């Protein structure tokens, strides 16, 4: 699972760019941790992987600076992570900002 987030980003990069979302990978300071920043005109934030299949998700509204999404989720199936991220980035965040 430690590469599932990178795999999602590689698969979705064109869709993200087409929706005005800039994605960058951040290497973690703790072993086997890393994240991706996802920034747009509407929201900024990221998804961060921690060992054991745990992901921390936080996004802020660019207009108000308020946190619009803050969750910790666990996945042990890459497909479930992909579905979750697609729902968050392309639906839930758009509905909140």
PDB file of N, CA and C in Angstrom:
ATOM      1  N   UNK A   1       0.809  -1.205   0.000  1.00  0.00           N
ATOM      2  CA  UNK A   1       0.000   0.000   0.000  1.00  0.00           C
ATOM      3  C   UNK A   1       0.846   1.261   0.000  1.00  0.00           C
ATOM      4  N   UNK A   2       2.141   1.134   0.300  1.00  0.00           N
ATOM      5  CA  UNK A   2       2.928   2.351   0.425  1.00  0.00           C
ATOM      6  C   UNK A   2       3.146   3.068  -0.904  1.00  0.00           C
ATOM      7  N   UNK A   3       2.839   2.442  -2.028  1.00  0.00           N
ATOM      8  CA  UNK A   3       2.941   3.131  -3.320  1.00  0.00           C
ATOM      9  C   UNK A   3       1.572   3.449  -3.926  1.00  0.00           C
ATOM     10  N   UNK A   4       0.509   3.098  -3.239  1.00  0.00           N
ATOM     11  CA  UNK A   4      -0.836   3.288  -3.781  1.00  0.00           C
ATOM     12  C   UNK A   4      -1.144   4.763  -4.043  1.00  0.00           C
ATOM     13  N   UNK A   5      -0.702   5.645  -3.179  1.00  0.00           N
ATOM     14  CA  UNK A   5      -0.950   7.071  -3.370  1.00  0.00           C
ATOM     15  C   UNK A   5      -0.202   7.583  -4.602  1.00  0.00           C
ATOM     16  N   UNK A   6       1.049   7.196  -4.760  1.00  0.00           N
ATOM     17  CA  UNK A   6       1.813   7.553  -5.961  1.00  0.00           C
ATOM     18  C   UNK A   6       1.166   6.987  -7.215  1.00  0.00           C
ATOM     19  N   UNK A   7       0.712   5.742  -7.141  1.00  0.00           N
ATOM     20  CA  UNK A   7       0.070   5.123  -8.301  1.00  0.00           C
ATOM     21  C   UNK A   7      -1.187   5.886  -8.705  1.00  0.00           C
ATOM     22  N   UNK A   8      -1.994   6.293  -7.707  1.00  0.00           N
ATOM     23  CA  UNK A   8      -3.192   7.079  -7.998  1.00  0.00           C
ATOM     24  C   UNK A   8      -2.813   8.383  -8.686  1.00  0.00           C
ATOM     25  N   UNK A   9      -1.793   9.066  -8.152  1.00  0.00           N
ATOM     26  CA  UNK A   9      -1.366  10.332  -8.729  1.00  0.00           C
ATOM     27  C   UNK A   9      -0.904  10.150 -10.168  1.00  0.00           C
ATOM     28  N   UNK A  10      -0.115   9.132 -10.427  1.00  0.00           N
ATOM     29  CA  UNK A  10       0.361   8.882 -11.786  1.00  0.00           C
ATOM     30  C   UNK A  10      -0.793   8.610 -12.743  1.00  0.00           C
ATOM     31  N   UNK A  11      -1.793   7.903 -12.277  1.00  0.00           N
ATOM     32  CA  UNK A  11      -2.959   7.582 -13.107  1.00  0.00           C
ATOM     33  C   UNK A  11      -3.837   8.811 -13.339  1.00  0.00           C
ATOM     34  N   UNK A  12      -3.963   9.659 -12.332  1.00  0.00           N
ATOM     35  CA  UNK A  12      -4.924  10.764 -12.382  1.00  0.00           C
ATOM     36  C   UNK A  12      -4.312  12.124 -12.719  1.00  0.00           C
ATOM     37  N   UNK A  13      -3.031  12.191 -12.942  1.00  0.00           N
ATOM     38  CA  UNK A  13      -2.368  13.490 -13.133  1.00  0.00           C
ATOM     39  C   UNK A  13      -3.018  14.330 -14.236  1.00  0.00           C
ATOM     40  N   UNK A  14      -3.334  13.742 -15.369  1.00  0.00           N
ATOM     41  CA  UNK A  14      -3.953  14.511 -16.459  1.00  0.00           C
ATOM     42  C   UNK A  14      -5.334  15.022 -16.072  1.00  0.00           C
ATOM     43  N   UNK A  15      -6.114  14.203 -15.368  1.00  0.00           N
ATOM     44  CA  UNK A  15      -7.435  14.639 -14.917  1.00  0.00           C
ATOM     45  C   UNK A  15      -7.316  15.769 -13.904  1.00  0.00           C
ATOM     46  N   UNK A  16      -6.341  15.671 -13.020  1.00  0.00           N
ATOM     47  CA  UNK A  16      -6.121  16.729 -12.038  1.00  0.00           C
ATOM     48  C   UNK A  16      -5.775  18.037 -12.740  1.00  0.00           C
ATOM     49  N   UNK A  17      -4.824  17.977 -13.666  1.00  0.00           N
ATOM     50  CA  UNK A  17      -4.415  19.179 -14.395  1.00  0.00           C
ATOM     51  C   UNK A  17      -5.576  19.758 -15.190  1.00  0.00           C
ATOM     52  N   UNK A  18      -6.391  18.911 -15.803  1.00  0.00           N
ATOM     53  CA  UNK A  18      -7.553  19.370 -16.577  1.00  0.00           C
ATOM     54  C   UNK A  18      -8.573  20.083 -15.695  1.00  0.00           C
ATOM     55  N   UNK A  19      -8.570  19.761 -14.400  1.00  0.00           N
ATOM     56  CA  UNK A  19      -9.478  20.398 -13.448  1.00  0.00           C
ATOM     57  C   UNK A  19      -8.808  21.537 -12.677  1.00  0.00           C
ATOM     58  N   UNK A  20      -7.623  21.952 -13.123  1.00  0.00           N
ATOM     59  CA  UNK A  20      -6.940  23.077 -12.499  1.00  0.00           C
ATOM     60  C   UNK A  20      -6.311  22.760 -11.160  1.00  0.00           C
ATOM     61  N   UNK A  21      -5.957  21.498 -10.953  1.00  0.00           N
ATOM     62  CA  UNK A  21      -5.361  21.068  -9.685  1.00  0.00           C
ATOM     63  C   UNK A  21      -3.897  20.715  -9.928  1.00  0.00           C
ATOM     64  N   UNK A  22      -3.014  21.388  -9.210  1.00  0.00           N
ATOM     65  CA  UNK A  22      -1.589  21.131  -9.294  1.00  0.00           C
ATOM     66  C   UNK A  22      -1.213  20.122  -8.214  1.00  0.00           C
ATOM     67  N   UNK A  23      -0.494  19.088  -8.587  1.00  0.00           N
ATOM     68  CA  UNK A  23      -0.112  18.035  -7.641  1.00  0.00           C
ATOM     69  C   UNK A  23       1.402  17.936  -7.543  1.00  0.00           C
ATOM     70  N   UNK A  24       1.899  17.868  -6.305  1.00  0.00           N
ATOM     71  CA  UNK A  24       3.320  17.666  -6.069  1.00  0.00           C
ATOM     72  C   UNK A  24       3.502  16.615  -4.982  1.00  0.00           C
ATOM     73  N   UNK A  25       4.548  15.831  -5.119  1.00  0.00           N
ATOM     74  CA  UNK A  25       4.863  14.784  -4.148  1.00  0.00           C
ATOM     75  C   UNK A  25       5.801  15.350  -3.094  1.00  0.00           C
ATOM     76  N   UNK A  26       5.548  14.976  -1.846  1.00  0.00           N
ATOM     77  CA  UNK A  26       6.373  15.402  -0.722  1.00  0.00           C
ATOM     78  C   UNK A  26       6.951  14.153  -0.062  1.00  0.00           C
ATOM     79  N   UNK A  27       8.244  14.082   0.038  1.00  0.00           N
ATOM     80  CA  UNK A  27       8.870  12.957   0.733  1.00  0.00           C
ATOM     81  C   UNK A  27       8.790  13.180   2.233  1.00  0.00           C
ATOM     82  N   UNK A  28       8.376  12.162   2.939  1.00  0.00           N
ATOM     83  CA  UNK A  28       8.251  12.269   4.390  1.00  0.00           C
ATOM     84  C   UNK A  28       9.579  12.156   5.094  1.00  0.00           C
ATOM     85  N   UNK A  29       9.629  12.686   6.285  1.00  0.00           N
ATOM     86  CA  UNK A  29      10.831  12.595   7.107  1.00  0.00           C
ATOM     87  C   UNK A  29      10.872  11.286   7.889  1.00  0.00           C
ATOM     88  N   UNK A  30       9.709  10.675   8.059  1.00  0.00           N
ATOM     89  CA  UNK A  30       9.627   9.399   8.758  1.00  0.00           C
ATOM     90  C   UNK A  30       9.682   8.276   7.723  1.00  0.00           C
ATOM     91  N   UNK A  31      10.334   7.192   8.046  1.00  0.00           N
ATOM     92  CA  UNK A  31      10.489   6.083   7.110  1.00  0.00           C
ATOM     93  C   UNK A  31       9.148   5.648   6.544  1.00  0.00           C
ATOM     94  N   UNK A  32       9.101   5.469   5.227  1.00  0.00           N
ATOM     95  CA  UNK A  32       7.928   4.985   4.500  1.00  0.00           C
ATOM     96  C   UNK A  32       6.738   5.928   4.535  1.00  0.00           C
ATOM     97  N   UNK A  33       6.944   7.187   4.830  1.00  0.00           N
ATOM     98  CA  UNK A  33       5.843   8.147   4.788  1.00  0.00           C
ATOM     99  C   UNK A  33       6.100   9.134   3.647  1.00  0.00           C
ATOM    100  N   UNK A  34       5.028   9.602   3.045  1.00  0.00           N
ATOM    101  CA  UNK A  34       5.115  10.616   2.003  1.00  0.00           C
ATOM    102  C   UNK A  34       3.720  11.177   1.781  1.00  0.00           C
ATOM    103  N   UNK A  35       3.622  12.181   0.949  1.00  0.00           N
ATOM    104  CA  UNK A  35       2.320  12.766   0.698  1.00  0.00           C
ATOM    105  C   UNK A  35       2.272  13.435  -0.650  1.00  0.00           C
ATOM    106  N   UNK A  36       1.088  13.928  -0.988  1.00  0.00           N
ATOM    107  CA  UNK A  36       0.915  14.733  -2.179  1.00  0.00           C
ATOM    108  C   UNK A  36       0.143  15.991  -1.796  1.00  0.00           C
ATOM    109  N   UNK A  37       0.623  17.107  -2.280  1.00  0.00           N
ATOM    110  CA  UNK A  37      -0.107  18.364  -2.146  1.00  0.00           C
ATOM    111  C   UNK A  37      -0.986  18.506  -3.373  1.00  0.00           C
ATOM    112  N   UNK A  38      -2.208  18.940  -3.162  1.00  0.00           N
ATOM    113  CA  UNK A  38      -3.147  19.194  -4.247  1.00  0.00           C
ATOM    114  C   UNK A  38      -3.657  20.616  -4.076  1.00  0.00           C
ATOM    115  N   UNK A  39      -3.294  21.481  -4.996  1.00  0.00           N
ATOM    116  CA  UNK A  39      -3.615  22.899  -4.888  1.00  0.00           C
ATOM    117  C   UNK A  39      -4.403  23.358  -6.111  1.00  0.00           C
ATOM    118  N   UNK A  40      -5.451  24.134  -5.867  1.00  0.00           N
ATOM    119  CA  UNK A  40      -6.246  24.718  -6.941  1.00  0.00           C
ATOM    120  C   UNK A  40      -6.624  26.132  -6.537  1.00  0.00           C
ATOM    121  N   UNK A  41      -7.422  26.807  -7.353  1.00  0.00           N
ATOM    122  CA  UNK A  41      -7.894  28.146  -7.006  1.00  0.00           C
ATOM    123  C   UNK A  41      -8.919  28.089  -5.887  1.00  0.00           C
ATOM    124  N   UNK A  42      -9.582  26.945  -5.728  1.00  0.00           N
ATOM    125  CA  UNK A  42     -10.629  26.799  -4.719  1.00  0.00           C
ATOM    126  C   UNK A  42     -10.130  26.235  -3.392  1.00  0.00           C
ATOM    127  N   UNK A  43      -9.188  25.302  -3.450  1.00  0.00           N
ATOM    128  CA  UNK A  43      -8.733  24.638  -2.230  1.00  0.00           C
ATOM    129  C   UNK A  43      -7.250  24.304  -2.298  1.00  0.00           C
ATOM    130  N   UNK A  44      -6.649  24.167  -1.122  1.00  0.00           N
ATOM    131  CA  UNK A  44      -5.268  23.701  -0.992  1.00  0.00           C
ATOM    132  C   UNK A  44      -5.246  22.643   0.102  1.00  0.00           C
ATOM    133  N   UNK A  45      -4.373  21.689  -0.050  1.00  0.00           N
ATOM    134  CA  UNK A  45      -4.273  20.664   0.976  1.00  0.00           C
ATOM    135  C   UNK A  45      -3.475  19.489   0.493  1.00  0.00           C
ATOM    136  N   UNK A  46      -3.711  18.368   1.148  1.00  0.00           N
ATOM    137  CA  UNK A  46      -2.940  17.207   0.775  1.00  0.00           C
ATOM    138  C   UNK A  46      -3.439  15.923   1.388  1.00  0.00           C
ATOM    139  N   UNK A  47      -2.842  14.862   0.882  1.00  0.00           N
ATOM    140  CA  UNK A  47      -3.102  13.504   1.363  1.00  0.00           C
ATOM    141  C   UNK A  47      -1.743  12.930   1.727  1.00  0.00           C
ATOM    142  N   UNK A  48      -1.652  12.389   2.929  1.00  0.00           N
ATOM    143  CA  UNK A  48      -0.364  11.927   3.432  1.00  0.00           C
ATOM    144  C   UNK A  48      -0.465  10.476   3.868  1.00  0.00           C
ATOM    145  N   UNK A  49       0.503   9.684   3.431  1.00  0.00           N
ATOM    146  CA  UNK A  49       0.538   8.250   3.746  1.00  0.00           C
ATOM    147  C   UNK A  49       1.447   8.006   4.942  1.00  0.00           C
ATOM    148  N   UNK A  50       0.943   7.209   5.863  1.00  0.00           N
ATOM    149  CA  UNK A  50       1.724   6.712   6.993  1.00  0.00           C
ATOM    150  C   UNK A  50       1.696   5.192   6.921  1.00  0.00           C
ATOM    151  N   UNK A  51       2.746   4.542   7.370  1.00  0.00           N
ATOM    152  CA  UNK A  51       2.750   3.074   7.341  1.00  0.00           C
ATOM    153  C   UNK A  51       1.496   2.472   7.975  1.00  0.00           C
ATOM    154  N   UNK A  52       1.249   1.248   7.633  1.00  0.00           N
ATOM    155  CA  UNK A  52       0.065   0.504   8.092  1.00  0.00           C
ATOM    156  C   UNK A  52      -1.200   0.902   7.344  1.00  0.00           C
ATOM    157  N   UNK A  53      -1.059   1.572   6.195  1.00  0.00           N
ATOM    158  CA  UNK A  53      -2.214   1.894   5.377  1.00  0.00           C
ATOM    159  C   UNK A  53      -3.049   3.055   5.875  1.00  0.00           C
ATOM    160  N   UNK A  54      -2.475   3.921   6.683  1.00  0.00           N
ATOM    161  CA  UNK A  54      -3.213   5.069   7.215  1.00  0.00           C
ATOM    162  C   UNK A  54      -2.928   6.312   6.362  1.00  0.00           C
ATOM    163  N   UNK A  55      -3.978   7.044   6.071  1.00  0.00           N
ATOM    164  CA  UNK A  55      -3.871   8.262   5.276  1.00  0.00           C
ATOM    165  C   UNK A  55      -4.511   9.420   6.028  1.00  0.00           C
ATOM    166  N   UNK A  56      -3.825  10.546   6.044  1.00  0.00           N
ATOM    167  CA  UNK A  56      -4.375  11.762   6.626  1.00  0.00           C
ATOM    168  C   UNK A  56      -4.704  12.705   5.481  1.00  0.00           C
ATOM    169  N   UNK A  57      -5.899  13.264   5.523  1.00  0.00           N
ATOM    170  CA  UNK A  57      -6.405  14.102   4.442  1.00  0.00           C
ATOM    171  C   UNK A  57      -6.830  15.438   5.040  1.00  0.00           C
ATOM    172  N   UNK A  58      -6.282  16.530   4.518  1.00  0.00           N
ATOM    173  CA  UNK A  58      -6.690  17.855   4.985  1.00  0.00           C
ATOM    174  C   UNK A  58      -6.702  18.815   3.813  1.00  0.00           C
ATOM    175  N   UNK A  59      -7.812  19.581   3.714  1.00  0.00           N
ATOM    176  CA  UNK A  59      -7.937  20.615   2.698  1.00  0.00           C
ATOM    177  C   UNK A  59      -8.549  21.861   3.303  1.00  0.00           C
ATOM    178  N   UNK A  60      -8.076  23.008   2.811  1.00  0.00           N
ATOM    179  CA  UNK A  60      -8.565  24.306   3.253  1.00  0.00           C
ATOM    180  C   UNK A  60      -9.145  25.069   2.063  1.00  0.00           C
ATOM    181  N   UNK A  61     -10.158  25.862   2.331  1.00  0.00           N
ATOM    182  CA  UNK A  61     -10.763  26.735   1.341  1.00  0.00           C
ATOM    183  C   UNK A  61      -9.818  27.912   1.088  1.00  0.00           C
ATOM    184  N   UNK A  62      -9.514  28.198  -0.168  1.00  0.00           N
ATOM    185  CA  UNK A  62      -8.590  29.300  -0.481  1.00  0.00           C
ATOM    186  C   UNK A  62      -9.188  30.660  -0.145  1.00  0.00           C
ATOM    187  N   UNK A  63     -10.500  30.802  -0.250  1.00  0.00           N
ATOM    188  CA  UNK A  63     -11.135  32.083   0.019  1.00  0.00           C
ATOM    189  C   UNK A  63     -11.161  32.444   1.490  1.00  0.00           C
ATOM    190  N   UNK A  64     -11.521  31.487   2.327  1.00  0.00           N
ATOM    191  CA  UNK A  64     -11.692  31.764   3.753  1.00  0.00           C
ATOM    192  C   UNK A  64     -10.540  31.251   4.612  1.00  0.00           C
ATOM    193  N   UNK A  65      -9.789  30.303   4.096  1.00  0.00           N
ATOM    194  CA  UNK A  65      -8.731  29.676   4.875  1.00  0.00           C
ATOM    195  C   UNK A  65      -9.239  28.595   5.813  1.00  0.00           C
ATOM    196  N   UNK A  66     -10.549  28.416   5.869  1.00  0.00           N
ATOM    197  CA  UNK A  66     -11.141  27.425   6.771  1.00  0.00           C
ATOM    198  C   UNK A  66     -10.865  25.997   6.304  1.00  0.00           C
ATOM    199  N   UNK A  67     -10.735  25.114   7.277  1.00  0.00           N
ATOM    200  CA  UNK A  67     -10.596  23.687   6.974  1.00  0.00           C
ATOM    201  C   UNK A  67     -11.948  23.186   6.470  1.00  0.00           C
ATOM    202  N   UNK A  68     -11.955  22.608   5.264  1.00  0.00           N
ATOM    203  CA  UNK A  68     -13.198  22.070   4.712  1.00  0.00           C
ATOM    204  C   UNK A  68     -13.230  20.543   4.751  1.00  0.00           C
ATOM    205  N   UNK A  69     -12.075  19.944   4.969  1.00  0.00           N
ATOM    206  CA  UNK A  69     -12.019  18.483   5.073  1.00  0.00           C
ATOM    207  C   UNK A  69     -10.814  18.096   5.905  1.00  0.00           C
ATOM    208  N   UNK A  70     -11.046  17.282   6.914  1.00  0.00           N
ATOM    209  CA  UNK A  70      -9.974  16.772   7.763  1.00  0.00           C
ATOM    210  C   UNK A  70     -10.388  15.373   8.193  1.00  0.00           C
ATOM    211  N   UNK A  71      -9.680  14.376   7.682  1.00  0.00           N
ATOM    212  CA  UNK A  71     -10.025  12.984   7.968  1.00  0.00           C
ATOM    213  C   UNK A  71      -8.764  12.140   8.069  1.00  0.00           C
ATOM    214  N   UNK A  72      -8.864  11.090   8.842  1.00  0.00           N
ATOM    215  CA  UNK A  72      -7.862  10.031   8.856  1.00  0.00           C
ATOM    216  C   UNK A  72      -8.592   8.764   8.457  1.00  0.00           C
ATOM    217  N   UNK A  73      -8.076   8.100   7.423  1.00  0.00           N
ATOM    218  CA  UNK A  73      -8.726   6.899   6.903  1.00  0.00           C
ATOM    219  C   UNK A  73      -7.698   5.790   6.750  1.00  0.00           C
ATOM    220  N   UNK A  74      -8.167   4.561   6.777  1.00  0.00           N
ATOM    221  CA  UNK A  74      -7.303   3.394   6.601  1.00  0.00           C
ATOM    222  C   UNK A  74      -7.782   2.579   5.412  1.00  0.00           C
ATOM    223  N   UNK A  75      -6.842   2.171   4.574  1.00  0.00           N
ATOM    224  CA  UNK A  75      -7.157   1.322   3.432  1.00  0.00           C
ATOM    225  C   UNK A  75      -6.093   0.248   3.310  1.00  0.00           C
ATOM    226  N   UNK A  76      -6.517  -0.956   2.999  1.00  0.00           N
ATOM    227  CA  UNK A  76      -5.567  -2.020   2.697  1.00  0.00           C
ATOM    228  C   UNK A  76      -5.779  -2.550   1.284  1.00  0.00           C
ATOM    229  N   UNK A  77      -6.645  -1.868   0.527  1.00  0.00           N
ATOM    230  CA  UNK A  77      -6.925  -2.227  -0.865  1.00  0.00           C
ATOM    231  C   UNK A  77      -6.730  -0.971  -1.717  1.00  0.00           C
ATOM    232  N   UNK A  78      -5.791  -0.991  -2.666  1.00  0.00           N
ATOM    233  CA  UNK A  78      -5.531   0.192  -3.491  1.00  0.00           C
ATOM    234  C   UNK A  78      -6.763   0.695  -4.238  1.00  0.00           C
ATOM    235  N   UNK A  79      -7.633  -0.197  -4.658  1.00  0.00           N
ATOM    236  CA  UNK A  79      -8.850   0.219  -5.372  1.00  0.00           C
ATOM    237  C   UNK A  79      -9.752   1.059  -4.480  1.00  0.00           C
ATOM    238  N   UNK A  80      -9.863   0.685  -3.210  1.00  0.00           N
ATOM    239  CA  UNK A  80     -10.688   1.469  -2.286  1.00  0.00           C
ATOM    240  C   UNK A  80     -10.093   2.855  -2.063  1.00  0.00           C
ATOM    241  N   UNK A  81      -8.771   2.927  -1.977  1.00  0.00           N
ATOM    242  CA  UNK A  81      -8.110   4.226  -1.849  1.00  0.00           C
ATOM    243  C   UNK A  81      -8.383   5.076  -3.086  1.00  0.00           C
ATOM    244  N   UNK A  82      -8.251   4.499  -4.272  1.00  0.00           N
ATOM    245  CA  UNK A  82      -8.507   5.237  -5.513  1.00  0.00           C
ATOM    246  C   UNK A  82      -9.929   5.784  -5.546  1.00  0.00           C
ATOM    247  N   UNK A  83     -10.901   4.955  -5.186  1.00  0.00           N
ATOM    248  CA  UNK A  83     -12.299   5.392  -5.173  1.00  0.00           C
ATOM    249  C   UNK A  83     -12.497   6.530  -4.178  1.00  0.00           C
ATOM    250  N   UNK A  84     -11.909   6.401  -3.014  1.00  0.00           N
ATOM    251  CA  UNK A  84     -12.015   7.434  -1.987  1.00  0.00           C
ATOM    252  C   UNK A  84     -11.420   8.749  -2.489  1.00  0.00           C
ATOM    253  N   UNK A  85     -10.199   8.706  -3.031  1.00  0.00           N
ATOM    254  CA  UNK A  85      -9.538   9.925  -3.493  1.00  0.00           C
ATOM    255  C   UNK A  85     -10.298  10.581  -4.637  1.00  0.00           C
ATOM    256  N   UNK A  86     -10.801   9.791  -5.564  1.00  0.00           N
ATOM    257  CA  UNK A  86     -11.586  10.356  -6.665  1.00  0.00           C
ATOM    258  C   UNK A  86     -12.834  11.051  -6.135  1.00  0.00           C
ATOM    259  N   UNK A  87     -13.481  10.450  -5.163  1.00  0.00           N
ATOM    260  CA  UNK A  87     -14.676  11.040  -4.564  1.00  0.00           C
ATOM    261  C   UNK A  87     -14.324  12.345  -3.839  1.00  0.00           C
ATOM    262  N   UNK A  88     -13.235  12.334  -3.081  1.00  0.00           N
ATOM    263  CA  UNK A  88     -12.826  13.532  -2.339  1.00  0.00           C
ATOM    264  C   UNK A  88     -12.460  14.662  -3.289  1.00  0.00           C
ATOM    265  N   UNK A  89     -11.573  14.399  -4.216  1.00  0.00           N
ATOM    266  CA  UNK A  89     -11.013  15.456  -5.052  1.00  0.00           C
ATOM    267  C   UNK A  89     -12.004  15.967  -6.090  1.00  0.00           C
ATOM    268  N   UNK A  90     -12.729  15.073  -6.720  1.00  0.00           N
ATOM    269  CA  UNK A  90     -13.576  15.488  -7.825  1.00  0.00           C
ATOM    270  C   UNK A  90     -15.032  15.742  -7.447  1.00  0.00           C
ATOM    271  N   UNK A  91     -15.440  15.392  -6.233  1.00  0.00           N
ATOM    272  CA  UNK A  91     -16.833  15.604  -5.826  1.00  0.00           C
ATOM    273  C   UNK A  91     -16.937  16.358  -4.512  1.00  0.00           C
ATOM    274  N   UNK A  92     -16.456  15.765  -3.429  1.00  0.00           N
ATOM    275  CA  UNK A  92     -16.672  16.354  -2.107  1.00  0.00           C
ATOM    276  C   UNK A  92     -16.061  17.738  -1.955  1.00  0.00           C
ATOM    277  N   UNK A  93     -14.810  17.921  -2.407  1.00  0.00           N
ATOM    278  CA  UNK A  93     -14.181  19.240  -2.272  1.00  0.00           C
ATOM    279  C   UNK A  93     -14.893  20.273  -3.121  1.00  0.00           C
ATOM    280  N   UNK A  94     -15.319  19.892  -4.294  1.00  0.00           N
ATOM    281  CA  UNK A  94     -16.030  20.835  -5.190  1.00  0.00           C
ATOM    282  C   UNK A  94     -17.358  21.264  -4.552  1.00  0.00           C
ATOM    283  N   UNK A  95     -17.986  20.368  -3.821  1.00  0.00           N
ATOM    284  CA  UNK A  95     -19.259  20.690  -3.177  1.00  0.00           C
ATOM    285  C   UNK A  95     -19.073  21.584  -1.946  1.00  0.00           C
ATOM    286  N   UNK A  96     -17.887  21.547  -1.332  1.00  0.00           N
ATOM    287  CA  UNK A  96     -17.658  22.287  -0.078  1.00  0.00           C
ATOM    288  C   UNK A  96     -17.134  23.693  -0.286  1.00  0.00           C
ATOM    289  N   UNK A  97     -16.494  23.938  -1.422  1.00  0.00           N
ATOM    290  CA  UNK A  97     -15.917  25.278  -1.637  1.00  0.00           C
ATOM    291  C   UNK A  97     -16.646  26.015  -2.737  1.00  0.00           C
TER     292      UNK A  97
END
